[in-house]
C-alpha cells in the first residue's frame, strides 16, 4: 500500500498493483508500523551484491592504465623538447 493523501484524521492509500483500489484509514497514519527501514550500510551492501562490481572495477582499471600511459608518453616528449632548447641567461625578452 502507498500513502497518497496523508492527514491527521484520515488518510488515503492505494495498492500499487491495482491503482483503482483506494483504501481509507481512520486515524493518524503515523501510528502504522513501518515495513521498510532505510540504512546506508544496507544500501551499500545491496548495491555491491546486485551489481556487476568486477566489470566496473575492470573498466576503471583499463581506463586508469591507458590514461597513465598517455601522461607518461606526453611528459617524456615535452621533457625531450625542453632538453633540446637553449634558454638565454637572465630570462625574458629584450625590447630592442
PDB file of N, CA and C in Angstrom:
ATOM      1  N   UNK A   1       0.839  -1.176   0.000  1.00  0.00           N
ATOM      2  CA  UNK A   1       0.000   0.000   0.000  1.00  0.00           C
ATOM      3  C   UNK A   1       0.887   1.243   0.000  1.00  0.00           C
ATOM      4  N   UNK A   2       0.442   2.249  -0.716  1.00  0.00           N
ATOM      5  CA  UNK A   2       1.173   3.511  -0.808  1.00  0.00           C
ATOM      6  C   UNK A   2       0.294   4.639  -0.281  1.00  0.00           C
ATOM      7  N   UNK A   3       0.877   5.468   0.545  1.00  0.00           N
ATOM      8  CA  UNK A   3       0.159   6.600   1.131  1.00  0.00           C
ATOM      9  C   UNK A   3       0.036   7.698   0.080  1.00  0.00           C
ATOM     10  N   UNK A   4      -1.201   8.084  -0.224  1.00  0.00           N
ATOM     11  CA  UNK A   4      -1.444   9.084  -1.257  1.00  0.00           C
ATOM     12  C   UNK A   4      -1.774  10.439  -0.651  1.00  0.00           C
ATOM     13  N   UNK A   5      -2.692  10.445   0.294  1.00  0.00           N
ATOM     14  CA  UNK A   5      -3.174  11.693   0.865  1.00  0.00           C
ATOM     15  C   UNK A   5      -3.117  11.598   2.389  1.00  0.00           C
ATOM     16  N   UNK A   6      -1.983  12.008   2.997  1.00  0.00           N
ATOM     17  CA  UNK A   6      -1.874  11.904   4.447  1.00  0.00           C
ATOM     18  C   UNK A   6      -2.669  13.008   5.149  1.00  0.00           C
ATOM     19  N   UNK A   7      -3.222  12.660   6.280  1.00  0.00           N
ATOM     20  CA  UNK A   7      -3.960  13.623   7.091  1.00  0.00           C
ATOM     21  C   UNK A   7      -3.925  13.150   8.540  1.00  0.00           C
ATOM     22  N   UNK A   8      -4.231  14.054   9.467  1.00  0.00           N
ATOM     23  CA  UNK A   8      -4.218  13.655  10.872  1.00  0.00           C
ATOM     24  C   UNK A   8      -5.466  12.860  11.244  1.00  0.00           C
ATOM     25  N   UNK A   9      -6.568  13.094  10.544  1.00  0.00           N
ATOM     26  CA  UNK A   9      -7.822  12.427  10.897  1.00  0.00           C
ATOM     27  C   UNK A   9      -8.080  11.175  10.075  1.00  0.00           C
ATOM     28  N   UNK A  10      -7.814  11.214   8.781  1.00  0.00           N
ATOM     29  CA  UNK A  10      -7.967  10.031   7.928  1.00  0.00           C
ATOM     30  C   UNK A  10      -6.988  10.150   6.766  1.00  0.00           C
ATOM     31  N   UNK A  11      -6.505   9.024   6.285  1.00  0.00           N
ATOM     32  CA  UNK A  11      -5.510   9.003   5.212  1.00  0.00           C
ATOM     33  C   UNK A  11      -5.981   8.093   4.099  1.00  0.00           C
ATOM     34  N   UNK A  12      -5.517   8.401   2.908  1.00  0.00           N
ATOM     35  CA  UNK A  12      -5.908   7.647   1.722  1.00  0.00           C
ATOM     36  C   UNK A  12      -4.701   6.834   1.234  1.00  0.00           C
ATOM     37  N   UNK A  13      -4.933   5.543   0.967  1.00  0.00           N
ATOM     38  CA  UNK A  13      -3.902   4.636   0.479  1.00  0.00           C
ATOM     39  C   UNK A  13      -4.352   4.020  -0.843  1.00  0.00           C
ATOM     40  N   UNK A  14      -3.388   3.665  -1.704  1.00  0.00           N
ATOM     41  CA  UNK A  14      -3.702   2.902  -2.913  1.00  0.00           C
ATOM     42  C   UNK A  14      -2.785   1.686  -2.963  1.00  0.00           C
ATOM     43  N   UNK A  15      -3.229   0.686  -3.693  1.00  0.00           N
ATOM     44  CA  UNK A  15      -2.437  -0.513  -3.928  1.00  0.00           C
ATOM     45  C   UNK A  15      -1.681  -0.300  -5.240  1.00  0.00           C
ATOM     46  N   UNK A  16      -0.333  -0.278  -5.246  1.00  0.00           N
ATOM     47  CA  UNK A  16       0.418  -0.031  -6.487  1.00  0.00           C
ATOM     48  C   UNK A  16       0.118  -1.052  -7.578  1.00  0.00           C
ATOM     49  N   UNK A  17      -0.216  -2.277  -7.212  1.00  0.00           N
ATOM     50  CA  UNK A  17      -0.548  -3.294  -8.215  1.00  0.00           C
ATOM     51  C   UNK A  17      -1.915  -3.030  -8.835  1.00  0.00           C
ATOM     52  N   UNK A  18      -2.829  -2.421  -8.071  1.00  0.00           N
ATOM     53  CA  UNK A  18      -4.180  -2.106  -8.549  1.00  0.00           C
ATOM     54  C   UNK A  18      -4.498  -0.658  -8.164  1.00  0.00           C
ATOM     55  N   UNK A  19      -4.062   0.326  -8.974  1.00  0.00           N
ATOM     56  CA  UNK A  19      -4.239   1.736  -8.604  1.00  0.00           C
ATOM     57  C   UNK A  19      -5.695   2.179  -8.480  1.00  0.00           C
ATOM     58  N   UNK A  20      -6.601   1.434  -9.075  1.00  0.00           N
ATOM     59  CA  UNK A  20      -8.005   1.823  -8.972  1.00  0.00           C
ATOM     60  C   UNK A  20      -8.590   1.530  -7.588  1.00  0.00           C
ATOM     61  N   UNK A  21      -7.919   0.691  -6.815  1.00  0.00           N
ATOM     62  CA  UNK A  21      -8.382   0.325  -5.480  1.00  0.00           C
ATOM     63  C   UNK A  21      -7.877   1.342  -4.460  1.00  0.00           C
ATOM     64  N   UNK A  22      -8.765   2.015  -3.778  1.00  0.00           N
ATOM     65  CA  UNK A  22      -8.434   3.042  -2.791  1.00  0.00           C
ATOM     66  C   UNK A  22      -8.928   2.591  -1.427  1.00  0.00           C
ATOM     67  N   UNK A  23      -8.073   2.685  -0.414  1.00  0.00           N
ATOM     68  CA  UNK A  23      -8.449   2.353   0.957  1.00  0.00           C
ATOM     69  C   UNK A  23      -8.274   3.591   1.833  1.00  0.00           C
ATOM     70  N   UNK A  24      -9.093   3.691   2.853  1.00  0.00           N
ATOM     71  CA  UNK A  24      -9.021   4.814   3.781  1.00  0.00           C
ATOM     72  C   UNK A  24      -8.696   4.290   5.173  1.00  0.00           C
ATOM     73  N   UNK A  25      -7.911   5.045   5.900  1.00  0.00           N
ATOM     74  CA  UNK A  25      -7.562   4.718   7.278  1.00  0.00           C
ATOM     75  C   UNK A  25      -8.079   5.846   8.164  1.00  0.00           C
ATOM     76  N   UNK A  26      -8.872   5.487   9.133  1.00  0.00           N
ATOM     77  CA  UNK A  26      -9.354   6.472  10.101  1.00  0.00           C
ATOM     78  C   UNK A  26      -8.312   6.579  11.207  1.00  0.00           C
ATOM     79  N   UNK A  27      -7.858   7.778  11.471  1.00  0.00           N
ATOM     80  CA  UNK A  27      -6.832   7.996  12.479  1.00  0.00           C
ATOM     81  C   UNK A  27      -5.527   8.424  11.823  1.00  0.00           C
ATOM     82  N   UNK A  28      -4.517   8.588  12.622  1.00  0.00           N
ATOM     83  CA  UNK A  28      -3.234   9.069  12.138  1.00  0.00           C
ATOM     84  C   UNK A  28      -2.458   7.964  11.423  1.00  0.00           C
ATOM     85  N   UNK A  29      -1.926   8.279  10.255  1.00  0.00           N
ATOM     86  CA  UNK A  29      -1.112   7.315   9.513  1.00  0.00           C
ATOM     87  C   UNK A  29       0.232   7.096  10.194  1.00  0.00           C
ATOM     88  N   UNK A  30       0.629   8.008  11.062  1.00  0.00           N
ATOM     89  CA  UNK A  30       1.911   7.871  11.764  1.00  0.00           C
ATOM     90  C   UNK A  30       1.883   6.735  12.790  1.00  0.00           C
ATOM     91  N   UNK A  31       0.694   6.272  13.140  1.00  0.00           N
ATOM     92  CA  UNK A  31       0.594   5.177  14.114  1.00  0.00           C
ATOM     93  C   UNK A  31       0.854   3.812  13.470  1.00  0.00           C
ATOM     94  N   UNK A  32       0.948   3.761  12.137  1.00  0.00           N
ATOM     95  CA  UNK A  32       1.200   2.493  11.456  1.00  0.00           C
ATOM     96  C   UNK A  32       2.655   2.073  11.625  1.00  0.00           C
ATOM     97  N   UNK A  33       2.890   0.786  11.639  1.00  0.00           N
ATOM     98  CA  UNK A  33       4.249   0.261  11.766  1.00  0.00           C
ATOM     99  C   UNK A  33       4.934   0.295  10.404  1.00  0.00           C
ATOM    100  N   UNK A  34       6.155   0.775  10.386  1.00  0.00           N
ATOM    101  CA  UNK A  34       6.908   0.871   9.130  1.00  0.00           C
ATOM    102  C   UNK A  34       7.351  -0.514   8.683  1.00  0.00           C
ATOM    103  N   UNK A  35       7.231  -0.760   7.390  1.00  0.00           N
ATOM    104  CA  UNK A  35       7.646  -2.040   6.826  1.00  0.00           C
ATOM    105  C   UNK A  35       9.116  -1.985   6.417  1.00  0.00           C
ATOM    106  N   UNK A  36       9.517  -0.856   5.865  1.00  0.00           N
ATOM    107  CA  UNK A  36      10.871  -0.713   5.342  1.00  0.00           C
ATOM    108  C   UNK A  36      11.619   0.334   6.149  1.00  0.00           C
ATOM    109  N   UNK A  37      12.805  -0.023   6.599  1.00  0.00           N
ATOM    110  CA  UNK A  37      13.678   0.917   7.293  1.00  0.00           C
ATOM    111  C   UNK A  37      14.941   1.087   6.448  1.00  0.00           C
ATOM    112  N   UNK A  38      15.242   2.322   6.102  1.00  0.00           N
ATOM    113  CA  UNK A  38      16.413   2.606   5.282  1.00  0.00           C
ATOM    114  C   UNK A  38      17.657   2.674   6.157  1.00  0.00           C
ATOM    115  N   UNK A  39      18.706   1.994   5.714  1.00  0.00           N
ATOM    116  CA  UNK A  39      20.004   2.122   6.375  1.00  0.00           C
ATOM    117  C   UNK A  39      21.066   2.250   5.290  1.00  0.00           C
ATOM    118  N   UNK A  40      21.989   3.154   5.469  1.00  0.00           N
ATOM    119  CA  UNK A  40      23.011   3.409   4.463  1.00  0.00           C
ATOM    120  C   UNK A  40      23.912   2.190   4.292  1.00  0.00           C
ATOM    121  N   UNK A  41      24.227   1.503   5.390  1.00  0.00           N
ATOM    122  CA  UNK A  41      25.085   0.312   5.302  1.00  0.00           C
ATOM    123  C   UNK A  41      24.388  -0.782   4.499  1.00  0.00           C
ATOM    124  N   UNK A  42      23.102  -0.983   4.747  1.00  0.00           N
ATOM    125  CA  UNK A  42      22.343  -1.980   3.993  1.00  0.00           C
ATOM    126  C   UNK A  42      22.244  -1.626   2.522  1.00  0.00           C
ATOM    127  N   UNK A  43      22.123  -0.330   2.203  1.00  0.00           N
ATOM    128  CA  UNK A  43      22.050   0.105   0.811  1.00  0.00           C
ATOM    129  C   UNK A  43      23.368  -0.152   0.086  1.00  0.00           C
ATOM    130  N   UNK A  44      24.484   0.078   0.773  1.00  0.00           N
ATOM    131  CA  UNK A  44      25.793  -0.168   0.165  1.00  0.00           C
ATOM    132  C   UNK A  44      25.992  -1.658  -0.095  1.00  0.00           C
ATOM    133  N   UNK A  45      25.654  -2.489   0.871  1.00  0.00           N
ATOM    134  CA  UNK A  45      25.784  -3.937   0.696  1.00  0.00           C
ATOM    135  C   UNK A  45      24.898  -4.411  -0.452  1.00  0.00           C
ATOM    136  N   UNK A  46      23.666  -3.929  -0.507  1.00  0.00           N
ATOM    137  CA  UNK A  46      22.751  -4.314  -1.580  1.00  0.00           C
ATOM    138  C   UNK A  46      23.278  -3.888  -2.944  1.00  0.00           C
ATOM    139  N   UNK A  47      23.885  -2.713  -3.020  1.00  0.00           N
ATOM    140  CA  UNK A  47      24.448  -2.238  -4.282  1.00  0.00           C
ATOM    141  C   UNK A  47      25.588  -3.136  -4.738  1.00  0.00           C
ATOM    142  N   UNK A  48      26.483  -3.490  -3.831  1.00  0.00           N
ATOM    143  CA  UNK A  48      27.602  -4.340  -4.208  1.00  0.00           C
ATOM    144  C   UNK A  48      27.150  -5.744  -4.597  1.00  0.00           C
ATOM    145  N   UNK A  49      26.145  -6.264  -3.929  1.00  0.00           N
ATOM    146  CA  UNK A  49      25.679  -7.617  -4.233  1.00  0.00           C
ATOM    147  C   UNK A  49      24.871  -7.676  -5.526  1.00  0.00           C
ATOM    148  N   UNK A  50      24.156  -6.616  -5.856  1.00  0.00           N
ATOM    149  CA  UNK A  50      23.281  -6.664  -7.018  1.00  0.00           C
ATOM    150  C   UNK A  50      23.940  -6.137  -8.288  1.00  0.00           C
ATOM    151  N   UNK A  51      25.121  -5.548  -8.202  1.00  0.00           N
ATOM    152  CA  UNK A  51      25.768  -5.001  -9.390  1.00  0.00           C
ATOM    153  C   UNK A  51      26.913  -5.906  -9.834  1.00  0.00           C
ATOM    154  N   UNK A  52      27.365  -5.642 -11.046  1.00  0.00           N
ATOM    155  CA  UNK A  52      28.498  -6.388 -11.593  1.00  0.00           C
ATOM    156  C   UNK A  52      29.772  -5.627 -11.225  1.00  0.00           C
ATOM    157  N   UNK A  53      30.151  -5.723  -9.982  1.00  0.00           N
ATOM    158  CA  UNK A  53      31.262  -4.941  -9.456  1.00  0.00           C
ATOM    159  C   UNK A  53      32.579  -5.282 -10.155  1.00  0.00           C
ATOM    160  N   UNK A  54      32.802  -6.541 -10.481  1.00  0.00           N
ATOM    161  CA  UNK A  54      34.057  -6.918 -11.142  1.00  0.00           C
ATOM    162  C   UNK A  54      34.173  -6.255 -12.514  1.00  0.00           C
ATOM    163  N   UNK A  55      33.058  -6.131 -13.229  1.00  0.00           N
ATOM    164  CA  UNK A  55      33.067  -5.453 -14.525  1.00  0.00           C
ATOM    165  C   UNK A  55      33.399  -3.974 -14.362  1.00  0.00           C
ATOM    166  N   UNK A  56      32.814  -3.338 -13.357  1.00  0.00           N
ATOM    167  CA  UNK A  56      33.075  -1.924 -13.117  1.00  0.00           C
ATOM    168  C   UNK A  56      34.532  -1.695 -12.737  1.00  0.00           C
ATOM    169  N   UNK A  57      35.078  -2.540 -11.886  1.00  0.00           N
ATOM    170  CA  UNK A  57      36.475  -2.389 -11.476  1.00  0.00           C
ATOM    171  C   UNK A  57      37.422  -2.630 -12.639  1.00  0.00           C
ATOM    172  N   UNK A  58      37.113  -3.612 -13.484  1.00  0.00           N
ATOM    173  CA  UNK A  58      37.957  -3.892 -14.649  1.00  0.00           C
ATOM    174  C   UNK A  58      37.970  -2.701 -15.596  1.00  0.00           C
ATOM    175  N   UNK A  59      36.802  -2.129 -15.889  1.00  0.00           N
ATOM    176  CA  UNK A  59      36.733  -0.977 -16.777  1.00  0.00           C
ATOM    177  C   UNK A  59      37.490   0.218 -16.198  1.00  0.00           C
ATOM    178  N   UNK A  60      37.361   0.447 -14.908  1.00  0.00           N
ATOM    179  CA  UNK A  60      38.073   1.542 -14.257  1.00  0.00           C
ATOM    180  C   UNK A  60      39.577   1.328 -14.347  1.00  0.00           C
ATOM    181  N   UNK A  61      40.036   0.112 -14.126  1.00  0.00           N
ATOM    182  CA  UNK A  61      41.462  -0.187 -14.186  1.00  0.00           C
ATOM    183  C   UNK A  61      41.998   0.023 -15.602  1.00  0.00           C
ATOM    184  N   UNK A  62      41.256  -0.390 -16.625  1.00  0.00           N
ATOM    185  CA  UNK A  62      41.696  -0.220 -18.018  1.00  0.00           C
ATOM    186  C   UNK A  62      41.826   1.268 -18.347  1.00  0.00           C
ATOM    187  N   UNK A  63      40.841   2.066 -17.985  1.00  0.00           N
ATOM    188  CA  UNK A  63      40.893   3.499 -18.267  1.00  0.00           C
ATOM    189  C   UNK A  63      42.041   4.152 -17.507  1.00  0.00           C
ATOM    190  N   UNK A  64      42.268   3.741 -16.264  1.00  0.00           N
ATOM    191  CA  UNK A  64      43.347   4.304 -15.463  1.00  0.00           C
ATOM    192  C   UNK A  64      44.708   4.001 -16.093  1.00  0.00           C
ATOM    193  N   UNK A  65      44.931   2.766 -16.511  1.00  0.00           N
ATOM    194  CA  UNK A  65      46.219   2.376 -17.092  1.00  0.00           C
ATOM    195  C   UNK A  65      46.459   3.120 -18.403  1.00  0.00           C
ATOM    196  N   UNK A  66      45.445   3.201 -19.272  1.00  0.00           N
ATOM    197  CA  UNK A  66      45.621   3.895 -20.550  1.00  0.00           C
ATOM    198  C   UNK A  66      45.899   5.380 -20.355  1.00  0.00           C
ATOM    199  N   UNK A  67      45.228   6.014 -19.416  1.00  0.00           N
ATOM    200  CA  UNK A  67      45.473   7.442 -19.181  1.00  0.00           C
ATOM    201  C   UNK A  67      46.857   7.673 -18.580  1.00  0.00           C
ATOM    202  N   UNK A  68      47.311   6.796 -17.706  1.00  0.00           N
ATOM    203  CA  UNK A  68      48.657   6.947 -17.141  1.00  0.00           C
ATOM    204  C   UNK A  68      49.732   6.745 -18.212  1.00  0.00           C
ATOM    205  N   UNK A  69      49.522   5.822 -19.132  1.00  0.00           N
ATOM    206  CA  UNK A  69      50.474   5.631 -20.242  1.00  0.00           C
ATOM    207  C   UNK A  69      50.513   6.882 -21.105  1.00  0.00           C
ATOM    208  N   UNK A  70      49.351   7.480 -21.375  1.00  0.00           N
ATOM    209  CA  UNK A  70      49.296   8.716 -22.161  1.00  0.00           C
ATOM    210  C   UNK A  70      50.013   9.861 -21.479  1.00  0.00           C
ATOM    211  N   UNK A  71      49.828  10.009 -20.185  1.00  0.00           N
ATOM    212  CA  UNK A  71      50.509  11.069 -19.430  1.00  0.00           C
ATOM    213  C   UNK A  71      52.014  10.843 -19.454  1.00  0.00           C
ATOM    214  N   UNK A  72      52.443   9.615 -19.267  1.00  0.00           N
ATOM    215  CA  UNK A  72      53.872   9.309 -19.259  1.00  0.00           C
ATOM    216  C   UNK A  72      54.514   9.608 -20.613  1.00  0.00           C
ATOM    217  N   UNK A  73      53.882   9.182 -21.702  1.00  0.00           N
ATOM    218  CA  UNK A  73      54.450   9.416 -23.033  1.00  0.00           C
ATOM    219  C   UNK A  73      54.489  10.899 -23.383  1.00  0.00           C
ATOM    220  N   UNK A  74      53.430  11.639 -23.087  1.00  0.00           N
ATOM    221  CA  UNK A  74      53.436  13.076 -23.397  1.00  0.00           C
ATOM    222  C   UNK A  74      54.456  13.811 -22.530  1.00  0.00           C
ATOM    223  N   UNK A  75      54.635  13.409 -21.290  1.00  0.00           N
ATOM    224  CA  UNK A  75      55.642  14.043 -20.424  1.00  0.00           C
ATOM    225  C   UNK A  75      57.054  13.784 -20.935  1.00  0.00           C
ATOM    226  N   UNK A  76      57.297  12.588 -21.424  1.00  0.00           N
ATOM    227  CA  UNK A  76      58.622  12.263 -21.980  1.00  0.00           C
ATOM    228  C   UNK A  76      58.905  13.125 -23.201  1.00  0.00           C
ATOM    229  N   UNK A  77      57.913  13.291 -24.084  1.00  0.00           N
ATOM    230  CA  UNK A  77      58.132  14.103 -25.298  1.00  0.00           C
ATOM    231  C   UNK A  77      58.362  15.570 -24.952  1.00  0.00           C
ATOM    232  N   UNK A  78      57.625  16.115 -24.004  1.00  0.00           N
ATOM    233  CA  UNK A  78      57.800  17.512 -23.607  1.00  0.00           C
ATOM    234  C   UNK A  78      59.160  17.692 -22.927  1.00  0.00           C
ATOM    235  N   UNK A  79      59.570  16.758 -22.085  1.00  0.00           N
ATOM    236  CA  UNK A  79      60.871  16.853 -21.421  1.00  0.00           C
ATOM    237  C   UNK A  79      62.005  16.789 -22.441  1.00  0.00           C
ATOM    238  N   UNK A  80      61.878  15.963 -23.461  1.00  0.00           N
ATOM    239  CA  UNK A  80      62.909  15.888 -24.505  1.00  0.00           C
ATOM    240  C   UNK A  80      62.995  17.215 -25.255  1.00  0.00           C
ATOM    241  N   UNK A  81      61.824  17.790 -25.556  1.00  0.00           N
ATOM    242  CA  UNK A  81      61.819  19.079 -26.246  1.00  0.00           C
ATOM    243  C   UNK A  81      62.479  20.173 -25.412  1.00  0.00           C
ATOM    244  N   UNK A  82      62.192  20.228 -24.121  1.00  0.00           N
ATOM    245  CA  UNK A  82      62.827  21.226 -23.252  1.00  0.00           C
ATOM    246  C   UNK A  82      64.321  20.991 -23.139  1.00  0.00           C
ATOM    247  N   UNK A  83      64.773  19.757 -23.213  1.00  0.00           N
ATOM    248  CA  UNK A  83      66.211  19.492 -23.082  1.00  0.00           C
ATOM    249  C   UNK A  83      66.979  19.952 -24.321  1.00  0.00           C
ATOM    250  N   UNK A  84      66.334  20.096 -25.462  1.00  0.00           N
ATOM    251  CA  UNK A  84      67.000  20.497 -26.698  1.00  0.00           C
ATOM    252  C   UNK A  84      67.004  22.009 -26.910  1.00  0.00           C
ATOM    253  N   UNK A  85      66.189  22.761 -26.187  1.00  0.00           N
ATOM    254  CA  UNK A  85      66.174  24.212 -26.317  1.00  0.00           C
ATOM    255  C   UNK A  85      67.281  24.824 -25.490  1.00  0.00           C
ATOM    256  N   UNK A  86      67.846  25.933 -26.027  1.00  0.00           N
ATOM    257  CA  UNK A  86      68.814  26.697 -25.248  1.00  0.00           C
ATOM    258  C   UNK A  86      68.113  27.954 -24.775  1.00  0.00           C
ATOM    259  N   UNK A  87      68.155  28.210 -23.480  1.00  0.00           N
ATOM    260  CA  UNK A  87      67.498  29.372 -22.897  1.00  0.00           C
ATOM    261  C   UNK A  87      68.526  30.458 -22.645  1.00  0.00           C
ATOM    262  N   UNK A  88      68.111  31.728 -22.830  1.00  0.00           N
ATOM    263  CA  UNK A  88      69.006  32.863 -22.598  1.00  0.00           C
ATOM    264  C   UNK A  88      69.181  33.079 -21.103  1.00  0.00           C
ATOM    265  N   UNK A  89      70.388  33.503 -20.733  1.00  0.00           N
ATOM    266  CA  UNK A  89      70.638  33.834 -19.334  1.00  0.00           C
ATOM    267  C   UNK A  89      69.919  35.144 -19.025  1.00  0.00           C
ATOM    268  N   UNK A  90      69.372  35.270 -17.874  1.00  0.00           N
ATOM    269  CA  UNK A  90      68.648  36.475 -17.492  1.00  0.00           C
ATOM    270  C   UNK A  90      67.174  36.345 -17.775  1.00  0.00           C
ATOM    271  N   UNK A  91      66.794  35.498 -18.654  1.00  0.00           N
ATOM    272  CA  UNK A  91      65.395  35.202 -18.937  1.00  0.00           C
ATOM    273  C   UNK A  91      64.646  36.365 -19.545  1.00  0.00           C
ATOM    274  N   UNK A  92      63.559  36.108 -20.129  1.00  0.00           N
ATOM    275  CA  UNK A  92      62.687  37.131 -20.687  1.00  0.00           C
ATOM    276  C   UNK A  92      63.119  37.580 -22.065  1.00  0.00           C
ATOM    277  N   UNK A  93      62.335  38.481 -22.642  1.00  0.00           N
ATOM    278  CA  UNK A  93      62.606  39.001 -23.965  1.00  0.00           C
ATOM    279  C   UNK A  93      63.146  40.423 -23.842  1.00  0.00           C
ATOM    280  N   UNK A  94      64.001  40.798 -24.768  1.00  0.00           N
ATOM    281  CA  UNK A  94      64.518  42.173 -24.760  1.00  0.00           C
ATOM    282  C   UNK A  94      63.603  43.048 -25.616  1.00  0.00           C
ATOM    283  N   UNK A  95      63.537  44.331 -25.303  1.00  0.00           N
ATOM    284  CA  UNK A  95      62.649  45.231 -26.025  1.00  0.00           C
ATOM    285  C   UNK A  95      63.336  45.847 -27.241  1.00  0.00           C
ATOM    286  N   UNK A  96      64.626  45.574 -27.469  1.00  0.00           N
ATOM    287  CA  UNK A  96      65.336  46.162 -28.617  1.00  0.00           C
ATOM    288  C   UNK A  96      65.187  45.376 -29.858  1.00  0.00           C
TER     289      UNK A  96
END
